[in-house]
PDB file of N, CA and C in Angstrom:
ATOM      1  N   MET A   1      12.220  -1.468   1.670  1.00  0.00           N
ATOM      2  CA  MET A   1      12.681  -0.108   1.606  1.00  0.00           C
ATOM      3  C   MET A   1      13.884   0.121   2.519  1.00  0.00           C
ATOM      4  N   THR A   2      13.994  -0.575   3.631  1.00  0.00           N
ATOM      5  CA  THR A   2      15.050  -0.259   4.589  1.00  0.00           C
ATOM      6  C   THR A   2      15.821  -1.500   4.994  1.00  0.00           C
ATOM      7  N   LEU A   3      17.009  -1.247   5.470  1.00  0.00           N
ATOM      8  CA  LEU A   3      17.810  -2.296   6.066  1.00  0.00           C
ATOM      9  C   LEU A   3      17.743  -2.141   7.569  1.00  0.00           C
ATOM     10  N   GLU A   4      17.880  -3.242   8.274  1.00  0.00           N
ATOM     11  CA  GLU A   4      17.853  -3.174   9.730  1.00  0.00           C
ATOM     12  C   GLU A   4      18.980  -2.269  10.222  1.00  0.00           C
ATOM     13  N   ASN A   5      18.709  -1.447  11.216  1.00  0.00           N
ATOM     14  CA  ASN A   5      19.652  -0.504  11.824  1.00  0.00           C
ATOM     15  C   ASN A   5      20.002   0.680  10.928  1.00  0.00           C
ATOM     16  N   GLU A   6      19.351   0.833   9.787  1.00  0.00           N
ATOM     17  CA  GLU A   6      19.562   1.982   8.917  1.00  0.00           C
ATOM     18  C   GLU A   6      18.644   3.115   9.395  1.00  0.00           C
ATOM     19  N   VAL A   7      19.156   4.337   9.430  1.00  0.00           N
ATOM     20  CA  VAL A   7      18.337   5.484   9.789  1.00  0.00           C
ATOM     21  C   VAL A   7      17.429   5.789   8.603  1.00  0.00           C
ATOM     22  N   VAL A   8      16.126   5.905   8.863  1.00  0.00           N
ATOM     23  CA  VAL A   8      15.149   6.134   7.805  1.00  0.00           C
ATOM     24  C   VAL A   8      14.540   7.519   7.969  1.00  0.00           C
ATOM     25  N   ASN A   9      14.765   8.352   6.962  1.00  0.00           N
ATOM     26  CA  ASN A   9      14.196   9.699   6.918  1.00  0.00           C
ATOM     27  C   ASN A   9      13.204   9.755   5.770  1.00  0.00           C
ATOM     28  N   VAL A  10      11.975  10.173   6.049  1.00  0.00           N
ATOM     29  CA  VAL A  10      10.920  10.209   5.043  1.00  0.00           C
ATOM     30  C   VAL A  10      10.417  11.636   4.878  1.00  0.00           C
ATOM     31  N   ASP A  11      10.291  12.053   3.619  1.00  0.00           N
ATOM     32  CA  ASP A  11       9.668  13.335   3.275  1.00  0.00           C
ATOM     33  C   ASP A  11       8.300  12.990   2.709  1.00  0.00           C
ATOM     34  N   LEU A  12       7.269  13.157   3.519  1.00  0.00           N
ATOM     35  CA  LEU A  12       5.909  12.781   3.157  1.00  0.00           C
ATOM     36  C   LEU A  12       5.245  13.919   2.396  1.00  0.00           C
ATOM     37  N   GLY A  13       4.882  13.654   1.150  1.00  0.00           N
ATOM     38  CA  GLY A  13       4.326  14.695   0.294  1.00  0.00           C
ATOM     39  C   GLY A  13       5.425  15.594  -0.246  1.00  0.00           C
ATOM     40  N   CYS A  14       6.527  14.986  -0.630  1.00  0.00           N
ATOM     41  CA  CYS A  14       7.733  15.739  -0.993  1.00  0.00           C
ATOM     42  C   CYS A  14       7.555  16.632  -2.210  1.00  0.00           C
ATOM     43  N   GLY A  15       6.716  16.223  -3.160  1.00  0.00           N
ATOM     44  CA  GLY A  15       6.548  17.024  -4.363  1.00  0.00           C
ATOM     45  C   GLY A  15       7.860  17.218  -5.089  1.00  0.00           C
ATOM     46  N   LYS A  16       8.095  18.440  -5.555  1.00  0.00           N
ATOM     47  CA  LYS A  16       9.305  18.761  -6.319  1.00  0.00           C
ATOM     48  C   LYS A  16      10.486  19.131  -5.436  1.00  0.00           C
ATOM     49  N   ARG A  17      10.279  19.228  -4.128  1.00  0.00           N
ATOM     50  CA  ARG A  17      11.324  19.732  -3.230  1.00  0.00           C
ATOM     51  C   ARG A  17      11.642  18.762  -2.090  1.00  0.00           C
ATOM     52  N   LYS A  18      12.063  17.580  -2.445  1.00  0.00           N
ATOM     53  CA  LYS A  18      12.407  16.566  -1.434  1.00  0.00           C
ATOM     54  C   LYS A  18      13.630  17.026  -0.637  1.00  0.00           C
ATOM     55  N   GLN A  19      13.573  16.803   0.675  1.00  0.00           N
ATOM     56  CA  GLN A  19      14.694  17.127   1.545  1.00  0.00           C
ATOM     57  C   GLN A  19      15.878  16.224   1.215  1.00  0.00           C
ATOM     58  N   GLU A  20      17.071  16.777   1.229  1.00  0.00           N
ATOM     59  CA  GLU A  20      18.274  16.014   0.920  1.00  0.00           C
ATOM     60  C   GLU A  20      18.460  14.876   1.935  1.00  0.00           C
ATOM     61  N   GLY A  21      18.724  13.691   1.425  1.00  0.00           N
ATOM     62  CA  GLY A  21      18.944  12.530   2.286  1.00  0.00           C
ATOM     63  C   GLY A  21      17.670  11.855   2.750  1.00  0.00           C
ATOM     64  N   PHE A  22      16.533  12.249   2.203  1.00  0.00           N
ATOM     65  CA  PHE A  22      15.240  11.697   2.600  1.00  0.00           C
ATOM     66  C   PHE A  22      14.674  10.817   1.490  1.00  0.00           C
ATOM     67  N   PHE A  23      13.802   9.905   1.880  1.00  0.00           N
ATOM     68  CA  PHE A  23      13.043   9.060   0.967  1.00  0.00           C
ATOM     69  C   PHE A  23      11.722   9.778   0.713  1.00  0.00           C
ATOM     70  N   GLY A  24      11.445  10.116  -0.537  1.00  0.00           N
ATOM     71  CA  GLY A  24      10.263  10.918  -0.866  1.00  0.00           C
ATOM     72  C   GLY A  24       9.045  10.102  -1.225  1.00  0.00           C
ATOM     73  N   ILE A  25       7.931  10.411  -0.559  1.00  0.00           N
ATOM     74  CA  ILE A  25       6.642   9.770  -0.853  1.00  0.00           C
ATOM     75  C   ILE A  25       5.658  10.857  -1.258  1.00  0.00           C
ATOM     76  N   ASP A  26       4.964  10.639  -2.371  1.00  0.00           N
ATOM     77  CA  ASP A  26       3.955  11.596  -2.837  1.00  0.00           C
ATOM     78  C   ASP A  26       2.928  10.841  -3.665  1.00  0.00           C
ATOM     79  N   ARG A  27       1.772  11.453  -3.860  1.00  0.00           N
ATOM     80  CA  ARG A  27       0.731  10.803  -4.663  1.00  0.00           C
ATOM     81  C   ARG A  27       0.875  11.119  -6.146  1.00  0.00           C
ATOM     82  N   PHE A  28       1.721  12.079  -6.484  1.00  0.00           N
ATOM     83  CA  PHE A  28       1.912  12.472  -7.882  1.00  0.00           C
ATOM     84  C   PHE A  28       3.327  12.130  -8.343  1.00  0.00           C
ATOM     85  N   PRO A  29       3.472  11.574  -9.547  1.00  0.00           N
ATOM     86  CA  PRO A  29       4.802  11.232 -10.043  1.00  0.00           C
ATOM     87  C   PRO A  29       5.589  12.488 -10.411  1.00  0.00           C
ATOM     88  N   MET A  30       6.748  12.618  -9.810  1.00  0.00           N
ATOM     89  CA  MET A  30       7.664  13.724 -10.089  1.00  0.00           C
ATOM     90  C   MET A  30       9.078  13.178  -9.945  1.00  0.00           C
ATOM     91  N   PRO A  31      10.067  13.868 -10.517  1.00  0.00           N
ATOM     92  CA  PRO A  31      11.443  13.358 -10.459  1.00  0.00           C
ATOM     93  C   PRO A  31      11.952  13.098  -9.037  1.00  0.00           C
ATOM     94  N   GLU A  32      11.545  13.872  -8.056  1.00  0.00           N
ATOM     95  CA  GLU A  32      12.042  13.723  -6.688  1.00  0.00           C
ATOM     96  C   GLU A  32      11.350  12.605  -5.904  1.00  0.00           C
ATOM     97  N   VAL A  33      10.245  12.104  -6.406  1.00  0.00           N
ATOM     98  CA  VAL A  33       9.432  11.109  -5.688  1.00  0.00           C
ATOM     99  C   VAL A  33      10.042   9.719  -5.827  1.00  0.00           C
ATOM    100  N   ASP A  34      10.284   9.078  -4.688  1.00  0.00           N
ATOM    101  CA  ASP A  34      10.827   7.722  -4.676  1.00  0.00           C
ATOM    102  C   ASP A  34       9.725   6.666  -4.664  1.00  0.00           C
ATOM    103  N   MET A  35       8.567   7.007  -4.069  1.00  0.00           N
ATOM    104  CA  MET A  35       7.463   6.064  -3.981  1.00  0.00           C
ATOM    105  C   MET A  35       6.141   6.800  -4.165  1.00  0.00           C
ATOM    106  N   LEU A  36       5.315   6.280  -5.056  1.00  0.00           N
ATOM    107  CA  LEU A  36       3.974   6.825  -5.233  1.00  0.00           C
ATOM    108  C   LEU A  36       3.024   6.157  -4.252  1.00  0.00           C
ATOM    109  N   ALA A  37       2.209   6.971  -3.578  1.00  0.00           N
ATOM    110  CA  ALA A  37       1.240   6.421  -2.637  1.00  0.00           C
ATOM    111  C   ALA A  37       0.130   7.437  -2.405  1.00  0.00           C
ATOM    112  N   ASP A  38      -1.091   6.957  -2.359  1.00  0.00           N
ATOM    113  CA  ASP A  38      -2.233   7.794  -1.988  1.00  0.00           C
ATOM    114  C   ASP A  38      -2.394   7.672  -0.481  1.00  0.00           C
ATOM    115  N   ILE A  39      -1.978   8.701   0.253  1.00  0.00           N
ATOM    116  CA  ILE A  39      -1.994   8.621   1.717  1.00  0.00           C
ATOM    117  C   ILE A  39      -3.402   8.477   2.279  1.00  0.00           C
ATOM    118  N   ASP A  40      -4.406   8.788   1.480  1.00  0.00           N
ATOM    119  CA  ASP A  40      -5.772   8.589   1.957  1.00  0.00           C
ATOM    120  C   ASP A  40      -6.109   7.101   2.070  1.00  0.00           C
ATOM    121  N   LEU A  41      -5.274   6.255   1.462  1.00  0.00           N
ATOM    122  CA  LEU A  41      -5.454   4.801   1.552  1.00  0.00           C
ATOM    123  C   LEU A  41      -4.480   4.169   2.530  1.00  0.00           C
ATOM    124  N   GLY A  42      -3.575   4.963   3.081  1.00  0.00           N
ATOM    125  CA  GLY A  42      -2.567   4.470   4.019  1.00  0.00           C
ATOM    126  C   GLY A  42      -1.175   4.822   3.530  1.00  0.00           C
ATOM    127  N   ILE A  43      -0.242   4.829   4.445  1.00  0.00           N
ATOM    128  CA  ILE A  43       1.140   5.143   4.115  1.00  0.00           C
ATOM    129  C   ILE A  43       1.915   3.824   4.080  1.00  0.00           C
ATOM    130  N   PRO A  44       2.531   3.499   2.944  1.00  0.00           N
ATOM    131  CA  PRO A  44       3.190   2.195   2.790  1.00  0.00           C
ATOM    132  C   PRO A  44       4.543   2.137   3.509  1.00  0.00           C
ATOM    133  N   LEU A  45       4.493   2.144   4.819  1.00  0.00           N
ATOM    134  CA  LEU A  45       5.687   2.060   5.645  1.00  0.00           C
ATOM    135  C   LEU A  45       5.526   0.915   6.635  1.00  0.00           C
ATOM    136  N   GLN A  46       6.633   0.262   6.945  1.00  0.00           N
ATOM    137  CA  GLN A  46       6.589  -0.772   7.963  1.00  0.00           C
ATOM    138  C   GLN A  46       6.344  -0.121   9.323  1.00  0.00           C
ATOM    139  N   ASP A  47       5.727  -0.844  10.213  1.00  0.00           N
ATOM    140  CA  ASP A  47       5.507  -0.350  11.575  1.00  0.00           C
ATOM    141  C   ASP A  47       6.843  -0.001  12.219  1.00  0.00           C
ATOM    142  N   ASP A  48       6.864   1.091  12.960  1.00  0.00           N
ATOM    143  CA  ASP A  48       8.034   1.500  13.749  1.00  0.00           C
ATOM    144  C   ASP A  48       9.318   1.602  12.919  1.00  0.00           C
ATOM    145  N   SER A  49       9.225   2.112  11.691  1.00  0.00           N
ATOM    146  CA  SER A  49      10.388   2.096  10.806  1.00  0.00           C
ATOM    147  C   SER A  49      11.002   3.464  10.515  1.00  0.00           C
ATOM    148  N   VAL A  50      10.310   4.548  10.820  1.00  0.00           N
ATOM    149  CA  VAL A  50      10.773   5.881  10.428  1.00  0.00           C
ATOM    150  C   VAL A  50      11.397   6.605  11.620  1.00  0.00           C
ATOM    151  N   ASP A  51      12.617   7.103  11.416  1.00  0.00           N
ATOM    152  CA  ASP A  51      13.326   7.835  12.471  1.00  0.00           C
ATOM    153  C   ASP A  51      13.070   9.340  12.408  1.00  0.00           C
ATOM    154  N   MET A  52      12.889   9.868  11.205  1.00  0.00           N
ATOM    155  CA  MET A  52      12.630  11.293  11.013  1.00  0.00           C
ATOM    156  C   MET A  52      11.616  11.431   9.899  1.00  0.00           C
ATOM    157  N   LEU A  53      10.531  12.159  10.174  1.00  0.00           N
ATOM    158  CA  LEU A  53       9.508  12.377   9.163  1.00  0.00           C
ATOM    159  C   LEU A  53       9.345  13.872   8.963  1.00  0.00           C
ATOM    160  N   PHE A  54       9.481  14.300   7.719  1.00  0.00           N
ATOM    161  CA  PHE A  54       9.322  15.704   7.355  1.00  0.00           C
ATOM    162  C   PHE A  54       8.107  15.810   6.451  1.00  0.00           C
ATOM    163  N   SER A  55       7.307  16.847   6.667  1.00  0.00           N
ATOM    164  CA  SER A  55       6.153  17.089   5.819  1.00  0.00           C
ATOM    165  C   SER A  55       5.878  18.585   5.816  1.00  0.00           C
ATOM    166  N   SER A  56       5.762  19.154   4.631  1.00  0.00           N
ATOM    167  CA  SER A  56       5.516  20.587   4.511  1.00  0.00           C
ATOM    168  C   SER A  56       4.394  20.827   3.508  1.00  0.00           C
ATOM    169  N   HIS A  57       3.363  21.542   3.939  1.00  0.00           N
ATOM    170  CA  HIS A  57       2.226  21.884   3.064  1.00  0.00           C
ATOM    171  C   HIS A  57       1.597  20.627   2.471  1.00  0.00           C
ATOM    172  N   PHE A  58       1.423  19.640   3.313  1.00  0.00           N
ATOM    173  CA  PHE A  58       0.926  18.358   2.834  1.00  0.00           C
ATOM    174  C   PHE A  58      -0.286  17.867   3.617  1.00  0.00           C
ATOM    175  N   LEU A  59      -0.215  17.919   4.928  1.00  0.00           N
ATOM    176  CA  LEU A  59      -1.275  17.331   5.761  1.00  0.00           C
ATOM    177  C   LEU A  59      -2.634  17.977   5.538  1.00  0.00           C
ATOM    178  N   GLU A  60      -2.654  19.232   5.144  1.00  0.00           N
ATOM    179  CA  GLU A  60      -3.945  19.892   4.910  1.00  0.00           C
ATOM    180  C   GLU A  60      -4.682  19.301   3.711  1.00  0.00           C
ATOM    181  N   HIS A  61      -4.005  18.469   2.911  1.00  0.00           N
ATOM    182  CA  HIS A  61      -4.638  17.840   1.748  1.00  0.00           C
ATOM    183  C   HIS A  61      -5.195  16.455   2.056  1.00  0.00           C
ATOM    184  N   ALA A  62      -4.954  15.947   3.244  1.00  0.00           N
ATOM    185  CA  ALA A  62      -5.482  14.634   3.625  1.00  0.00           C
ATOM    186  C   ALA A  62      -6.998  14.715   3.791  1.00  0.00           C
ATOM    187  N   ARG A  63      -7.691  13.744   3.262  1.00  0.00           N
ATOM    188  CA  ARG A  63      -9.163  13.729   3.396  1.00  0.00           C
ATOM    189  C   ARG A  63      -9.585  13.441   4.833  1.00  0.00           C
ATOM    190  N   ASP A  64      -8.832  12.557   5.498  1.00  0.00           N
ATOM    191  CA  ASP A  64      -9.128  12.183   6.875  1.00  0.00           C
ATOM    192  C   ASP A  64      -7.844  12.366   7.686  1.00  0.00           C
ATOM    193  N   LEU A  65      -7.678  13.536   8.267  1.00  0.00           N
ATOM    194  CA  LEU A  65      -6.442  13.884   8.959  1.00  0.00           C
ATOM    195  C   LEU A  65      -6.137  12.927  10.112  1.00  0.00           C
ATOM    196  N   MET A  66      -7.143  12.508  10.859  1.00  0.00           N
ATOM    197  CA  MET A  66      -6.896  11.599  11.978  1.00  0.00           C
ATOM    198  C   MET A  66      -6.383  10.244  11.484  1.00  0.00           C
ATOM    199  N   PHE A  67      -6.926   9.739  10.391  1.00  0.00           N
ATOM    200  CA  PHE A  67      -6.427   8.488   9.804  1.00  0.00           C
ATOM    201  C   PHE A  67      -4.966   8.655   9.391  1.00  0.00           C
ATOM    202  N   THR A  68      -4.651   9.766   8.727  1.00  0.00           N
ATOM    203  CA  THR A  68      -3.284  10.029   8.279  1.00  0.00           C
ATOM    204  C   THR A  68      -2.335  10.133   9.467  1.00  0.00           C
ATOM    205  N   MET A  69      -2.747  10.798  10.538  1.00  0.00           N
ATOM    206  CA  MET A  69      -1.899  10.922  11.720  1.00  0.00           C
ATOM    207  C   MET A  69      -1.683   9.559  12.386  1.00  0.00           C
ATOM    208  N   ARG A  70      -2.706   8.692  12.387  1.00  0.00           N
ATOM    209  CA  ARG A  70      -2.537   7.338  12.926  1.00  0.00           C
ATOM    210  C   ARG A  70      -1.543   6.542  12.072  1.00  0.00           C
ATOM    211  N   GLU A  71      -1.594   6.734  10.758  1.00  0.00           N
ATOM    212  CA  GLU A  71      -0.651   6.062   9.864  1.00  0.00           C
ATOM    213  C   GLU A  71       0.776   6.554  10.115  1.00  0.00           C
ATOM    214  N   ILE A  72       0.943   7.850  10.327  1.00  0.00           N
ATOM    215  CA  ILE A  72       2.259   8.402  10.644  1.00  0.00           C
ATOM    216  C   ILE A  72       2.754   7.811  11.964  1.00  0.00           C
ATOM    217  N   TYR A  73       1.890   7.771  12.950  1.00  0.00           N
ATOM    218  CA  TYR A  73       2.261   7.205  14.259  1.00  0.00           C
ATOM    219  C   TYR A  73       2.653   5.736  14.128  1.00  0.00           C
ATOM    220  N   ARG A  74       1.903   4.975  13.350  1.00  0.00           N
ATOM    221  CA  ARG A  74       2.169   3.549  13.155  1.00  0.00           C
ATOM    222  C   ARG A  74       3.553   3.337  12.540  1.00  0.00           C
ATOM    223  N   GLY A  75       3.907   4.155  11.584  1.00  0.00           N
ATOM    224  CA  GLY A  75       5.178   3.992  10.897  1.00  0.00           C
ATOM    225  C   GLY A  75       6.369   4.578  11.634  1.00  0.00           C
ATOM    226  N   SER A  76       6.091   5.333  12.682  1.00  0.00           N
ATOM    227  CA  SER A  76       7.153   6.041  13.388  1.00  0.00           C
ATOM    228  C   SER A  76       7.817   5.177  14.447  1.00  0.00           C
ATOM    229  N   ALA A  77       9.136   5.228  14.447  1.00  0.00           N
ATOM    230  CA  ALA A  77       9.903   4.527  15.477  1.00  0.00           C
ATOM    231  C   ALA A  77       9.778   5.281  16.799  1.00  0.00           C
ATOM    232  N   TYR A  78      10.106   4.612  17.879  1.00  0.00           N
ATOM    233  CA  TYR A  78      10.096   5.238  19.196  1.00  0.00           C
ATOM    234  C   TYR A  78      10.999   6.467  19.139  1.00  0.00           C
ATOM    235  N   GLN A  79      10.534   7.574  19.659  1.00  0.00           N
ATOM    236  CA  GLN A  79      11.260   8.846  19.687  1.00  0.00           C
ATOM    237  C   GLN A  79      11.519   9.414  18.285  1.00  0.00           C
ATOM    238  N   VAL A  80      10.572   9.205  17.384  1.00  0.00           N
ATOM    239  CA  VAL A  80      10.681   9.771  16.036  1.00  0.00           C
ATOM    240  C   VAL A  80      10.728  11.300  16.125  1.00  0.00           C
ATOM    241  N   ARG A  81      11.398  11.893  15.188  1.00  0.00           N
ATOM    242  CA  ARG A  81      11.414  13.357  15.060  1.00  0.00           C
ATOM    243  C   ARG A  81      10.502  13.709  13.903  1.00  0.00           C
ATOM    244  N   PHE A  82       9.541  14.588  14.141  1.00  0.00           N
ATOM    245  CA  PHE A  82       8.545  14.961  13.132  1.00  0.00           C
ATOM    246  C   PHE A  82       8.613  16.465  12.939  1.00  0.00           C
ATOM    247  N   GLU A  83       8.893  16.882  11.709  1.00  0.00           N
ATOM    248  CA  GLU A  83       8.917  18.320  11.391  1.00  0.00           C
ATOM    249  C   GLU A  83       7.930  18.604  10.298  1.00  0.00           C
TER     250      GLU A  83
END
Protein backbone atom coordinates (compact mmCIF):
# COMPACT_ATOMS: atom_id res chain seq x y z
CA MET A 1 0.00 0.00 0.00
CA THR A 2 2.79 2.48 0.74
CA LEU A 3 6.23 3.48 -0.34
CA GLU A 4 8.96 4.15 2.17
CA ASN A 5 9.01 7.82 3.28
CA GLU A 6 5.55 8.44 1.76
CA VAL A 7 3.06 10.23 4.02
CA VAL A 8 0.14 7.86 4.65
CA ASN A 9 -3.28 9.29 5.44
CA VAL A 10 -6.08 6.81 6.17
CA ASP A 11 -9.82 7.45 6.38
CA LEU A 12 -11.06 4.52 8.46
CA GLY A 13 -14.71 3.77 7.76
CA CYS A 14 -14.76 6.32 4.95
CA GLY A 15 -18.09 5.25 3.46
CA LYS A 16 -19.29 7.59 0.72
CA ARG A 17 -17.37 10.62 2.04
CA LYS A 18 -13.66 9.85 1.95
CA GLN A 19 -11.40 12.75 2.91
CA GLU A 20 -9.48 14.20 -0.03
CA GLY A 21 -5.96 12.80 -0.27
CA PHE A 22 -6.73 9.87 2.04
CA PHE A 23 -6.71 6.10 1.53
CA GLY A 24 -10.22 4.86 2.32
CA ILE A 25 -10.91 1.68 4.27
CA ASP A 26 -14.45 0.42 4.88
CA ARG A 27 -16.27 -2.87 5.30
CA PHE A 28 -18.80 -2.05 2.57
CA PRO A 29 -17.95 -1.66 -1.13
CA MET A 30 -18.55 1.90 -2.32
CA PRO A 31 -16.94 4.06 -5.01
CA GLU A 32 -14.79 5.97 -2.46
CA VAL A 33 -13.46 2.82 -0.74
CA ASP A 34 -9.90 1.85 -1.67
CA MET A 35 -9.73 -1.27 0.52
CA LEU A 36 -12.43 -3.53 1.91
CA ALA A 37 -11.80 -4.76 5.44
CA ASP A 38 -13.85 -5.96 8.40
CA ILE A 39 -12.22 -4.01 11.23
CA ASP A 40 -13.63 -6.48 13.73
CA LEU A 41 -11.05 -8.92 12.30
CA GLY A 42 -8.20 -6.38 12.30
CA ILE A 43 -7.08 -3.42 10.26
CA PRO A 44 -4.90 -4.44 7.28
CA LEU A 45 -2.14 -1.90 7.86
CA GLN A 46 1.57 -2.40 8.35
CA ASP A 47 2.88 -1.64 11.83
CA ASP A 48 3.86 2.01 12.36
CA SER A 49 2.74 3.00 8.85
CA VAL A 50 0.00 5.64 9.25
CA ASP A 51 0.84 9.33 9.69
CA MET A 52 -2.73 10.67 9.86
CA LEU A 53 -5.85 8.67 10.66
CA PHE A 54 -9.31 10.15 10.23
CA SER A 55 -12.49 8.43 11.36
CA SER A 56 -15.98 9.89 11.62
CA HIS A 57 -19.09 8.06 12.88
CA PHE A 58 -17.26 4.77 12.64
CA LEU A 59 -15.78 3.59 15.94
CA GLU A 60 -19.19 3.22 17.57
CA HIS A 61 -19.83 0.34 15.12
CA ALA A 62 -16.84 -1.73 16.27
CA ARG A 63 -17.86 -4.87 18.14
CA ASP A 64 -14.76 -4.71 20.35
CA LEU A 65 -13.66 -1.08 20.68
CA MET A 66 -10.51 -1.89 22.67
CA PHE A 67 -9.35 -4.37 19.99
CA THR A 68 -10.01 -1.75 17.29
CA MET A 69 -8.10 0.92 19.24
CA ARG A 70 -5.14 -1.48 19.66
CA GLU A 71 -5.20 -2.08 15.89
CA ILE A 72 -5.20 1.68 15.26
CA TYR A 73 -2.29 2.09 17.68
CA ARG A 74 -0.37 -0.76 16.02
CA GLY A 75 -0.72 0.80 12.58
CA SER A 76 0.07 4.31 13.73
CA ALA A 77 3.48 5.85 13.24
CA TYR A 78 5.18 7.69 16.08
CA GLN A 79 3.39 11.03 16.61
CA VAL A 80 0.41 10.03 14.46
CA ARG A 81 -2.39 12.57 14.15
CA PHE A 82 -5.81 11.07 14.86
CA GLU A 83 -9.03 12.96 14.14
